[in-house]
Protein backbone atom coordinates (compact mmCIF):
# COMPACT_ATOMS: atom_id res chain seq x y z
CA MET A 1 0.10 -0.17 0.17
CA ALA A 2 1.29 3.49 -0.91
CA LYS A 3 1.96 6.37 1.38
CA ARG A 4 0.36 8.92 -0.76
CA ARG A 5 -2.65 9.29 -3.01
CA CYS A 6 -4.04 11.87 -4.68
CA ILE A 7 -7.62 13.28 -5.39
CA SER A 8 -9.02 14.63 -8.36
CA ILE A 9 -10.76 17.72 -8.03
CA ASP A 10 -13.10 16.30 -10.81
CA ILE A 11 -14.55 13.75 -8.49
CA PHE A 12 -13.89 16.75 -5.27
CA GLU A 13 -16.07 19.15 -6.62
CA ASN A 14 -18.77 16.84 -8.20
CA GLU A 15 -22.04 17.65 -7.56
CA LYS A 16 -22.83 14.05 -6.86
CA PHE A 17 -19.93 13.96 -4.45
CA LEU A 18 -20.82 16.99 -2.75
CA SER A 19 -24.53 16.22 -1.89
CA LEU A 20 -22.96 13.15 0.18
CA ASN A 21 -23.22 13.32 3.94
CA ASP A 22 -19.92 15.22 5.22
CA LYS A 23 -19.22 12.10 7.31
CA SER A 24 -19.21 9.89 3.91
CA LYS A 25 -16.79 12.15 2.26
CA VAL A 26 -14.48 11.82 4.71
CA LEU A 27 -14.77 8.25 4.83
CA TYR A 28 -14.20 8.11 0.86
CA VAL A 29 -10.83 10.22 1.57
CA GLY A 30 -9.90 7.40 3.88
CA LEU A 31 -10.71 4.77 2.36
CA LEU A 32 -9.00 6.09 -0.91
CA LEU A 33 -5.70 6.43 1.43
CA HIS A 34 -5.93 2.71 2.07
CA THR A 35 -6.16 1.02 -1.09
CA ASP A 36 -3.50 -0.80 -3.03
CA ASP A 37 -2.00 0.16 -6.40
CA ASP A 38 -5.18 -0.60 -8.32
CA GLY A 39 -7.65 1.00 -6.01
CA VAL A 40 -8.76 -2.26 -4.06
CA ILE A 41 -9.97 -1.03 -0.43
CA VAL A 42 -8.07 -3.68 1.31
CA ASN A 43 -9.38 -3.26 5.17
CA PRO A 44 -12.79 -1.45 5.05
CA LYS A 45 -13.94 -2.16 8.24
CA ILE A 46 -10.48 -1.05 9.82
CA VAL A 47 -10.71 2.53 8.05
CA MET A 48 -14.61 3.08 9.56
CA ARG A 49 -12.91 2.08 13.09
CA VAL A 50 -10.12 4.39 12.80
CA LEU A 51 -12.10 7.06 11.56
CA LYS A 52 -15.30 6.40 13.84
CA LYS A 53 -17.45 6.03 11.15
CA ASN A 54 -21.00 4.02 10.92
CA PRO A 55 -21.33 1.58 8.23
CA LYS A 56 -24.07 3.80 6.83
CA TYR A 57 -21.65 5.80 5.81
CA PHE A 58 -19.62 3.11 3.77
CA ASP A 59 -23.01 2.10 2.23
CA GLU A 60 -23.93 5.61 1.23
CA LEU A 61 -20.78 5.39 -0.91
CA LEU A 62 -21.47 1.96 -2.25
CA GLU A 63 -25.03 3.14 -3.10
CA ASN A 64 -24.02 6.62 -4.99
CA GLY A 65 -21.56 4.51 -7.08
CA PHE A 66 -18.28 5.95 -5.50
CA ILE A 67 -16.95 2.03 -4.23
CA MET A 68 -18.04 -0.90 -6.34
CA ARG A 69 -18.54 -4.08 -4.63
CA VAL A 70 -16.79 -7.05 -7.17
CA ASP A 71 -17.60 -10.78 -5.30
CA ASP A 72 -15.48 -10.22 -1.57
CA ILE A 73 -13.73 -7.22 -2.59
CA TYR A 74 -14.23 -3.28 -2.83
CA VAL A 75 -12.54 -1.19 -5.27
CA ILE A 76 -12.82 2.72 -5.41
CA LYS A 77 -14.51 3.58 -9.06
CA HIS A 78 -12.94 6.41 -9.53
CA PHE A 79 -8.95 5.33 -8.52
CA ASN A 80 -7.74 5.41 -11.59
CA MET A 81 -8.94 9.43 -12.55
CA HIS A 82 -7.38 10.24 -9.10
CA ASN A 83 -3.91 8.21 -9.28
CA LYS A 84 -1.84 7.46 -12.15
CA ILE A 85 1.20 5.46 -11.17
CA GLN A 86 4.27 4.22 -13.02
CA PRO A 87 4.38 1.01 -14.16
CA SER A 88 8.14 0.57 -12.57
CA LYS A 89 6.30 1.82 -9.20
CA LYS A 90 3.17 -0.01 -8.85
CA THR A 91 2.55 -3.36 -6.98
CA PRO A 92 0.03 -5.20 -8.20
CA SER A 93 -3.05 -6.33 -6.47
CA LEU A 94 -3.35 -9.51 -4.87
CA TYR A 95 -7.26 -9.60 -6.21
CA GLN A 96 -6.56 -10.08 -9.79
CA THR A 97 -9.51 -12.38 -10.39
CA GLN A 98 -11.80 -9.61 -9.23
CA LEU A 99 -9.98 -7.00 -10.87
CA SER A 100 -10.32 -8.95 -14.36
CA LYS A 101 -14.34 -8.49 -13.96
CA LEU A 102 -13.72 -5.01 -14.19
CA CYS A 103 -12.40 -2.52 -17.15
CA ILE A 104 -11.49 1.24 -16.98
CA ASN A 105 -13.41 3.18 -19.43
CA GLN A 106 -12.49 6.37 -21.17
CA ARG A 107 -13.49 8.65 -18.22
CA LYS A 108 -10.53 6.69 -16.50
CA GLU A 109 -13.52 5.09 -14.24
CA TYR A 110 -13.91 1.13 -13.48
CA GLU A 111 -16.79 -0.72 -14.41
CA PHE A 112 -18.15 -4.27 -15.07
CA SER A 113 -16.86 -5.85 -18.61
CA SER A 114 -19.41 -5.76 -20.94
CA GLU A 115 -19.09 -9.48 -21.86
CA LYS A 116 -18.25 -10.41 -17.94
CA ILE A 117 -21.92 -8.51 -16.68
CA ARG A 118 -24.20 -10.55 -18.04
CA ASN A 119 -22.95 -13.32 -15.48
CA PHE A 120 -22.94 -11.53 -12.53
CA VAL A 121 -25.91 -9.42 -12.91
CA GLY A 122 -27.77 -10.40 -9.44
CA THR A 123 -25.04 -11.65 -7.93
CA ILE A 124 -23.06 -8.68 -6.63
């Protein structure tokens, strides 16, 4: 896990982000700081405990599309908008199987691959 992360102003000043509860915004930043180099949130429960945030704020981020659930992991949807890690400095995620179900769209957002989404609708 990296010691530094960036936050894109495109997300931070986005109307949808601004409409979130302030505690959800703080949690989002905390979760972003605790991702691996592919945007996987390694320990969301620990981050919630450290920041003293109720799981309902995590649920708000999930419901509003800032976090995605992929099988048994969570991913920051806009991680690649926030951070560009040079390949020579990147440590690949341990969760490549789950990440293989995602692709990065033109807006640098994670989304489910169109071929695989048909197989996973209703199981997420």
